[in-house]
Every structure is written in C-alpha cells, then in structure tokens.
Amino acid sequence: MIDRDLLEPEQGWATPSRVRLPPPPSAEQGIFFRLMSLSSRAFGRAELPHVFPLIHRNPRLFWGWLCFASRFMPWGRLPAPVREKIILRVAWNCRSRYEWAQHLEIALRIGVRDDEIVATTLFEDSIGVEHDRLLMRACDQLRQCKLIDETTWEALSRSYSDKEMVELVMLTGHYEMIAGVLINSGIEVEPAIEDVIQAFFRRLS
C-alpha cells in the first residue's frame, strides 16, 4: 500500500501562482483546429486536452509542432508502454502535474499496470524491473547532464535499434520542452483526467 499523499515529486509539483495562459475560447480558433477538436473523440477523449489550444495560441508554431509530435505519438516506433513510462518519468522529473496526469491516463488506457506507473516515480535503486530501471536511469541522466552513460547506453542498445535510440533521446527532450510550456502556462488538468488520477490514488491506498 502506498500513501497517495506521498506520490508527488520531492519538491512538489511546479506551479505558478495563477493561470498565465488559459486555453482560448473555441470562437477564437480556426475551422481546422475546431475539426481537430472533434476528432479527439476518436482517440477516446470527450474533449481535446488543453495543451492543444494552449500551444495553438501561436498557430505558426502549433502546426509544425503537431506534425513533429505525431512522430512520437501515435506513430512512434518505440513500444507504447515504453513511450509512456519515459514520458511519465520526464513529467515527474520536471514536476509537471498536467503532463504527468495526461500520460497517466494514456498509460492506463494502453495497459500499463498501476505498479509499473508507480515505479516511474521511484528512485532508481527502488525499481525492481531491470529494463525499467535502465529506462528511468537514461531519463534521469538526460535530465541532469544530457549524457547517457556508456553502461546504460550499451544495455539499452541491446533492446533497441539505432533508430529507436535516437527516438528515445528525442522523446525525452521533446517532453521536457512541453513540460516547460505546461508548467509556465499554469493550465489545470481537465476534470475527466482528474477523475482518473483520483481513481488511481484510491487503488493505491
């Protein structure tokens, strides 16, 4: 049993004192963006996550970013559970509650177990599965000094191709960047995703 109150980063979640960049009203968004909002239902979401209208505040960046991000998800080459564990670790390391919440929901939806999710929040020595320990170590090293050490790189290279190793490093960097945008915007987790978080906490405790 895990105390759900302890399941947050050591320094807490990083949040500004106010919402700095709220998602804009639908009326301010173009027709193509509104159509994309409707298509989110095909991916199991009743509403488009706030991150999309947030970044769409700068349309010149948004559409290029969306194309780039889609190469990681949904069309990445890393196995989906691996991708989500990496993103959860990045969100945890960056202290981005919004990013962590979104990918908690996705991880659960694709079959990542509760204990595997909890493992992405633990210190490396407390992670029981060797492969997950390697992935989390790589995320931590990229966060700290941008260099995965030789031992960890070689071990991961036995499981992933050179193309996948490039994707792994870029996936980590990409979600660190997005975590920065999310944290500084101050946007809040959508109610439906908050419900998923609270249900997850209840199962743990």
C-alpha atoms as a PDB file:
ATOM      1  CA  MET A   1       0.000   0.000   0.000  1.00  0.00           C
ATOM      2  CA  ILE A   2       1.272   3.468  -0.936  1.00  0.00           C
ATOM      3  CA  ASP A   3       0.298   6.725   0.736  1.00  0.00           C
ATOM      4  CA  ARG A   4      -1.174   8.725  -2.133  1.00  0.00           C
ATOM      5  CA  ASP A   5      -0.131  11.968  -0.441  1.00  0.00           C
ATOM      6  CA  LEU A   6       3.491  10.892  -0.886  1.00  0.00           C
ATOM      7  CA  LEU A   7       3.082  10.231  -4.604  1.00  0.00           C
ATOM      8  CA  GLU A   8       4.352  13.571  -5.822  1.00  0.00           C
ATOM      9  CA  PRO A   9       7.861  14.874  -6.577  1.00  0.00           C
ATOM     10  CA  GLU A  10      10.085  15.579  -3.593  1.00  0.00           C
ATOM     11  CA  GLN A  11       9.789  19.342  -4.142  1.00  0.00           C
ATOM     12  CA  GLY A  12       6.120  19.161  -5.108  1.00  0.00           C
ATOM     13  CA  TRP A  13       4.577  19.998  -8.455  1.00  0.00           C
ATOM     14  CA  ALA A  14       5.867  23.158 -10.126  1.00  0.00           C
ATOM     15  CA  THR A  15       3.000  25.621 -10.470  1.00  0.00           C
ATOM     16  CA  PRO A  16       2.826  29.402 -10.921  1.00  0.00           C
ATOM     17  CA  SER A  17       0.575  31.410  -8.616  1.00  0.00           C
ATOM     18  CA  ARG A  18      -2.018  31.913 -11.360  1.00  0.00           C
ATOM     19  CA  VAL A  19      -3.117  30.628 -14.756  1.00  0.00           C
ATOM     20  CA  ARG A  20      -0.976  32.657 -17.142  1.00  0.00           C
ATOM     21  CA  LEU A  21      -2.116  31.224 -20.461  1.00  0.00           C
ATOM     22  CA  PRO A  22      -5.645  29.844 -20.253  1.00  0.00           C
ATOM     23  CA  PRO A  23      -6.883  27.873 -23.273  1.00  0.00           C
ATOM     24  CA  PRO A  24      -8.597  30.337 -25.634  1.00  0.00           C
ATOM     25  CA  PRO A  25     -12.354  30.131 -26.336  1.00  0.00           C
ATOM     26  CA  SER A  26     -13.389  27.958 -29.273  1.00  0.00           C
ATOM     27  CA  ALA A  27     -14.655  31.025 -31.125  1.00  0.00           C
ATOM     28  CA  GLU A  28     -11.074  32.299 -31.377  1.00  0.00           C
ATOM     29  CA  GLN A  29      -9.861  29.111 -33.057  1.00  0.00           C
ATOM     30  CA  GLY A  30      -9.883  28.408 -36.778  1.00  0.00           C
ATOM     31  CA  ILE A  31     -12.073  25.870 -38.536  1.00  0.00           C
ATOM     32  CA  PHE A  32      -9.284  23.320 -38.968  1.00  0.00           C
ATOM     33  CA  PHE A  33      -8.482  23.450 -35.280  1.00  0.00           C
ATOM     34  CA  ARG A  34     -12.151  23.031 -34.353  1.00  0.00           C
ATOM     35  CA  LEU A  35     -12.365  19.986 -36.615  1.00  0.00           C
ATOM     36  CA  MET A  36      -9.298  18.560 -34.864  1.00  0.00           C
ATOM     37  CA  SER A  37     -11.077  19.089 -31.547  1.00  0.00           C
ATOM     38  CA  LEU A  38     -13.987  16.978 -32.760  1.00  0.00           C
ATOM     39  CA  SER A  39     -11.640  14.232 -33.960  1.00  0.00           C
ATOM     40  CA  SER A  40     -10.214  13.833 -30.424  1.00  0.00           C
ATOM     41  CA  ARG A  41     -13.223  11.647 -29.637  1.00  0.00           C
ATOM     42  CA  ALA A  42     -11.808   9.023 -31.986  1.00  0.00           C
ATOM     43  CA  PHE A  43      -8.865   8.733 -29.556  1.00  0.00           C
ATOM     44  CA  GLY A  44     -11.096   8.118 -26.543  1.00  0.00           C
ATOM     45  CA  ARG A  45     -11.244  11.710 -25.286  1.00  0.00           C
ATOM     46  CA  ALA A  46     -14.524  13.526 -24.663  1.00  0.00           C
ATOM     47  CA  GLU A  47     -12.704  16.822 -25.116  1.00  0.00           C
ATOM     48  CA  LEU A  48      -9.461  17.970 -26.643  1.00  0.00           C
ATOM     49  CA  PRO A  49      -6.717  18.213 -23.992  1.00  0.00           C
ATOM     50  CA  HIS A  50      -5.970  21.807 -23.026  1.00  0.00           C
ATOM     51  CA  VAL A  51      -2.382  21.529 -24.213  1.00  0.00           C
ATOM     52  CA  PHE A  52      -3.529  21.777 -27.843  1.00  0.00           C
ATOM     53  CA  PRO A  53      -5.446  25.080 -27.670  1.00  0.00           C
ATOM     54  CA  LEU A  54      -2.693  26.361 -25.378  1.00  0.00           C
ATOM     55  CA  ILE A  55       0.032  25.846 -27.984  1.00  0.00           C
ATOM     56  CA  HIS A  56      -2.382  26.901 -30.733  1.00  0.00           C
ATOM     57  CA  ARG A  57      -2.181  30.403 -29.256  1.00  0.00           C
ATOM     58  CA  ASN A  58       0.832  30.527 -31.582  1.00  0.00           C
ATOM     59  CA  PRO A  59      -0.533  28.890 -34.779  1.00  0.00           C
ATOM     60  CA  ARG A  60       2.757  29.384 -36.643  1.00  0.00           C
ATOM     61  CA  LEU A  61       4.441  27.063 -34.161  1.00  0.00           C
ATOM     62  CA  PHE A  62       1.445  24.839 -33.472  1.00  0.00           C
ATOM     63  CA  TRP A  63       1.040  23.087 -36.810  1.00  0.00           C
ATOM     64  CA  GLY A  64       4.747  22.336 -37.212  1.00  0.00           C
ATOM     65  CA  TRP A  65       4.884  21.097 -33.609  1.00  0.00           C
ATOM     66  CA  LEU A  66       1.816  18.897 -34.102  1.00  0.00           C
ATOM     67  CA  CYS A  67       3.373  17.197 -37.133  1.00  0.00           C
ATOM     68  CA  PHE A  68       6.641  16.653 -35.253  1.00  0.00           C
ATOM     69  CA  ALA A  69       4.942  15.406 -32.063  1.00  0.00           C
ATOM     70  CA  SER A  70       2.864  12.905 -34.028  1.00  0.00           C
ATOM     71  CA  ARG A  71       6.075  11.093 -34.986  1.00  0.00           C
ATOM     72  CA  PHE A  72       6.383  10.139 -31.308  1.00  0.00           C
ATOM     73  CA  MET A  73       2.699   9.552 -30.651  1.00  0.00           C
ATOM     74  CA  PRO A  74       0.682   7.957 -32.125  1.00  0.00           C
ATOM     75  CA  TRP A  75       3.168   6.998 -34.866  1.00  0.00           C
ATOM     76  CA  GLY A  76       6.317   6.384 -32.859  1.00  0.00           C
ATOM     77  CA  ARG A  77       8.411   3.247 -33.209  1.00  0.00           C
ATOM     78  CA  LEU A  78       9.050   2.663 -29.515  1.00  0.00           C
ATOM     79  CA  PRO A  79       6.546   0.291 -27.875  1.00  0.00           C
ATOM     80  CA  ALA A  80       3.685   2.356 -26.445  1.00  0.00           C
ATOM     81  CA  PRO A  81       4.213   1.200 -22.811  1.00  0.00           C
ATOM     82  CA  VAL A  82       7.905   2.160 -23.064  1.00  0.00           C
ATOM     83  CA  ARG A  83       6.997   5.547 -24.515  1.00  0.00           C
ATOM     84  CA  GLU A  84       4.528   6.268 -21.730  1.00  0.00           C
ATOM     85  CA  LYS A  85       6.909   5.196 -18.960  1.00  0.00           C
ATOM     86  CA  ILE A  86       9.537   7.549 -20.369  1.00  0.00           C
ATOM     87  CA  ILE A  87       7.073  10.444 -20.579  1.00  0.00           C
ATOM     88  CA  LEU A  88       5.824   9.805 -17.043  1.00  0.00           C
ATOM     89  CA  ARG A  89       9.403   9.907 -15.757  1.00  0.00           C
ATOM     90  CA  VAL A  90      10.084  13.125 -17.653  1.00  0.00           C
ATOM     91  CA  ALA A  91       6.918  14.726 -16.272  1.00  0.00           C
ATOM     92  CA  TRP A  92       7.869  13.596 -12.769  1.00  0.00           C
ATOM     93  CA  ASN A  93      11.430  14.912 -13.080  1.00  0.00           C
ATOM     94  CA  CYS A  94      10.154  18.236 -14.463  1.00  0.00           C
ATOM     95  CA  ARG A  95       7.403  18.388 -11.809  1.00  0.00           C
ATOM     96  CA  SER A  96       4.692  18.932 -14.430  1.00  0.00           C
ATOM     97  CA  ARG A  97       1.431  17.684 -12.949  1.00  0.00           C
ATOM     98  CA  TYR A  98      -0.513  18.358 -16.155  1.00  0.00           C
ATOM     99  CA  GLU A  99       1.854  16.290 -18.300  1.00  0.00           C
ATOM    100  CA  TRP A 100       2.006  13.526 -15.690  1.00  0.00           C
ATOM    101  CA  ALA A 101      -1.801  13.405 -15.424  1.00  0.00           C
ATOM    102  CA  GLN A 102      -2.356  13.235 -19.169  1.00  0.00           C
ATOM    103  CA  HIS A 103       0.099  10.398 -19.604  1.00  0.00           C
ATOM    104  CA  LEU A 104      -1.094   8.556 -16.528  1.00  0.00           C
ATOM    105  CA  GLU A 105      -4.461   8.297 -18.275  1.00  0.00           C
ATOM    106  CA  ILE A 106      -2.855   7.207 -21.561  1.00  0.00           C
ATOM    107  CA  ALA A 107      -0.610   4.670 -19.824  1.00  0.00           C
ATOM    108  CA  LEU A 108      -3.564   3.086 -18.049  1.00  0.00           C
ATOM    109  CA  ARG A 109      -5.567   3.021 -21.278  1.00  0.00           C
ATOM    110  CA  ILE A 110      -2.857   1.073 -23.128  1.00  0.00           C
ATOM    111  CA  GLY A 111      -2.435  -1.448 -20.315  1.00  0.00           C
ATOM    112  CA  VAL A 112       0.437  -0.179 -18.162  1.00  0.00           C
ATOM    113  CA  ARG A 113      -0.165  -1.527 -14.659  1.00  0.00           C
ATOM    114  CA  ASP A 114      -0.511   0.619 -11.539  1.00  0.00           C
ATOM    115  CA  ASP A 115       2.721  -0.772 -10.068  1.00  0.00           C
ATOM    116  CA  GLU A 116       4.610  -0.012 -13.281  1.00  0.00           C
ATOM    117  CA  ILE A 117       3.355   3.576 -13.129  1.00  0.00           C
ATOM    118  CA  VAL A 118       4.410   3.892  -9.505  1.00  0.00           C
ATOM    119  CA  ALA A 119       7.873   2.595 -10.496  1.00  0.00           C
ATOM    120  CA  THR A 120       8.336   5.609 -12.791  1.00  0.00           C
ATOM    121  CA  THR A 121       8.221   7.816  -9.677  1.00  0.00           C
ATOM    122  CA  LEU A 122      10.760   5.888  -7.588  1.00  0.00           C
ATOM    123  CA  PHE A 123      14.455   6.391  -7.024  1.00  0.00           C
ATOM    124  CA  GLU A 124      16.391   4.165  -9.402  1.00  0.00           C
ATOM    125  CA  ASP A 125      17.538   1.687  -6.738  1.00  0.00           C
ATOM    126  CA  SER A 126      13.906   1.021  -5.757  1.00  0.00           C
ATOM    127  CA  ILE A 127      12.803  -0.047  -9.254  1.00  0.00           C
ATOM    128  CA  GLY A 128      12.604  -3.823  -9.331  1.00  0.00           C
ATOM    129  CA  VAL A 129      12.452  -4.499 -13.095  1.00  0.00           C
ATOM    130  CA  GLU A 130      15.903  -4.136 -14.651  1.00  0.00           C
ATOM    131  CA  HIS A 131      14.725  -2.850 -18.014  1.00  0.00           C
ATOM    132  CA  ASP A 132      12.517  -0.191 -16.420  1.00  0.00           C
ATOM    133  CA  ARG A 133      15.434   0.762 -14.182  1.00  0.00           C
ATOM    134  CA  LEU A 134      17.582   1.321 -17.285  1.00  0.00           C
ATOM    135  CA  LEU A 135      14.909   3.463 -18.936  1.00  0.00           C
ATOM    136  CA  MET A 136      14.444   5.596 -15.835  1.00  0.00           C
ATOM    137  CA  ARG A 137      18.213   5.952 -15.424  1.00  0.00           C
ATOM    138  CA  ALA A 138      18.517   7.158 -19.020  1.00  0.00           C
ATOM    139  CA  CYS A 139      15.738   9.724 -18.432  1.00  0.00           C
ATOM    140  CA  ASP A 140      17.428  10.931 -15.261  1.00  0.00           C
ATOM    141  CA  GLN A 141      20.830  11.256 -16.910  1.00  0.00           C
ATOM    142  CA  LEU A 142      19.401  13.157 -19.866  1.00  0.00           C
ATOM    143  CA  ARG A 143      17.671  15.491 -17.433  1.00  0.00           C
ATOM    144  CA  GLN A 144      20.793  16.037 -15.336  1.00  0.00           C
ATOM    145  CA  CYS A 145      23.622  16.291 -17.846  1.00  0.00           C
ATOM    146  CA  LYS A 146      22.248  15.347 -21.316  1.00  0.00           C
ATOM    147  CA  LEU A 147      24.617  12.343 -21.493  1.00  0.00           C
ATOM    148  CA  ILE A 148      23.521   8.737 -21.038  1.00  0.00           C
ATOM    149  CA  ASP A 149      26.499   6.882 -19.581  1.00  0.00           C
ATOM    150  CA  GLU A 150      28.184   4.162 -21.605  1.00  0.00           C
ATOM    151  CA  THR A 151      26.952   1.260 -19.465  1.00  0.00           C
ATOM    152  CA  THR A 152      23.313   2.358 -19.709  1.00  0.00           C
ATOM    153  CA  TRP A 153      23.577   3.122 -23.422  1.00  0.00           C
ATOM    154  CA  GLU A 154      25.067  -0.255 -24.215  1.00  0.00           C
ATOM    155  CA  ALA A 155      22.438  -2.062 -22.155  1.00  0.00           C
ATOM    156  CA  LEU A 156      19.571  -0.237 -23.856  1.00  0.00           C
ATOM    157  CA  SER A 157      21.155  -0.756 -27.278  1.00  0.00           C
ATOM    158  CA  ARG A 158      20.724  -4.490 -26.804  1.00  0.00           C
ATOM    159  CA  SER A 159      16.946  -3.940 -26.779  1.00  0.00           C
ATOM    160  CA  TYR A 160      16.578  -1.046 -29.221  1.00  0.00           C
ATOM    161  CA  SER A 161      17.858  -0.299 -32.708  1.00  0.00           C
ATOM    162  CA  ASP A 162      19.884   2.812 -33.524  1.00  0.00           C
ATOM    163  CA  LYS A 163      16.704   4.441 -34.893  1.00  0.00           C
ATOM    164  CA  GLU A 164      14.870   3.685 -31.670  1.00  0.00           C
ATOM    165  CA  MET A 165      17.725   5.051 -29.566  1.00  0.00           C
ATOM    166  CA  VAL A 166      17.514   8.344 -31.476  1.00  0.00           C
ATOM    167  CA  GLU A 167      13.765   8.366 -30.846  1.00  0.00           C
ATOM    168  CA  LEU A 168      14.251   7.606 -27.152  1.00  0.00           C
ATOM    169  CA  VAL A 169      16.588  10.566 -26.666  1.00  0.00           C
ATOM    170  CA  MET A 170      14.427  12.939 -28.725  1.00  0.00           C
ATOM    171  CA  LEU A 171      11.235  11.775 -26.987  1.00  0.00           C
ATOM    172  CA  THR A 172      12.770  12.681 -23.640  1.00  0.00           C
ATOM    173  CA  GLY A 173      13.889  16.108 -24.833  1.00  0.00           C
ATOM    174  CA  HIS A 174      10.578  16.849 -26.511  1.00  0.00           C
ATOM    175  CA  TYR A 175       8.514  16.159 -23.413  1.00  0.00           C
ATOM    176  CA  GLU A 176      10.900  18.189 -21.260  1.00  0.00           C
ATOM    177  CA  MET A 177      10.210  21.117 -23.591  1.00  0.00           C
ATOM    178  CA  ILE A 178       6.435  20.603 -23.416  1.00  0.00           C
ATOM    179  CA  ALA A 179       6.610  20.260 -19.632  1.00  0.00           C
ATOM    180  CA  GLY A 180       8.184  23.719 -19.513  1.00  0.00           C
ATOM    181  CA  VAL A 181       5.355  25.204 -21.567  1.00  0.00           C
ATOM    182  CA  LEU A 182       2.704  23.480 -19.457  1.00  0.00           C
ATOM    183  CA  ILE A 183       4.229  24.467 -16.136  1.00  0.00           C
ATOM    184  CA  ASN A 184       4.649  28.106 -17.094  1.00  0.00           C
ATOM    185  CA  SER A 185       1.147  28.354 -18.547  1.00  0.00           C
ATOM    186  CA  GLY A 186      -0.431  27.256 -15.283  1.00  0.00           C
ATOM    187  CA  ILE A 187      -3.219  25.371 -17.080  1.00  0.00           C
ATOM    188  CA  GLU A 188      -5.203  22.949 -14.967  1.00  0.00           C
ATOM    189  CA  VAL A 189      -5.913  19.270 -15.501  1.00  0.00           C
ATOM    190  CA  GLU A 190      -9.254  18.588 -17.191  1.00  0.00           C
ATOM    191  CA  PRO A 191     -11.971  17.263 -14.817  1.00  0.00           C
ATOM    192  CA  ALA A 192     -12.210  13.887 -16.592  1.00  0.00           C
ATOM    193  CA  ILE A 193      -8.448  13.359 -16.263  1.00  0.00           C
ATOM    194  CA  GLU A 194      -8.553  14.481 -12.625  1.00  0.00           C
ATOM    195  CA  ASP A 195     -11.128  11.742 -12.031  1.00  0.00           C
ATOM    196  CA  VAL A 196      -8.674   9.194 -13.457  1.00  0.00           C
ATOM    197  CA  ILE A 197      -5.933  10.439 -11.124  1.00  0.00           C
ATOM    198  CA  GLN A 198      -8.144  10.213  -8.069  1.00  0.00           C
ATOM    199  CA  ALA A 199      -9.308   6.704  -9.004  1.00  0.00           C
ATOM    200  CA  PHE A 200      -5.655   5.702  -9.400  1.00  0.00           C
ATOM    201  CA  PHE A 201      -4.832   7.103  -5.950  1.00  0.00           C
ATOM    202  CA  ARG A 202      -7.769   5.241  -4.407  1.00  0.00           C
ATOM    203  CA  ARG A 203      -6.499   1.961  -5.840  1.00  0.00           C
ATOM    204  CA  LEU A 204      -3.064   2.581  -4.363  1.00  0.00           C
ATOM    205  CA  SER A 205      -4.348   3.377  -0.894  1.00  0.00           C
END
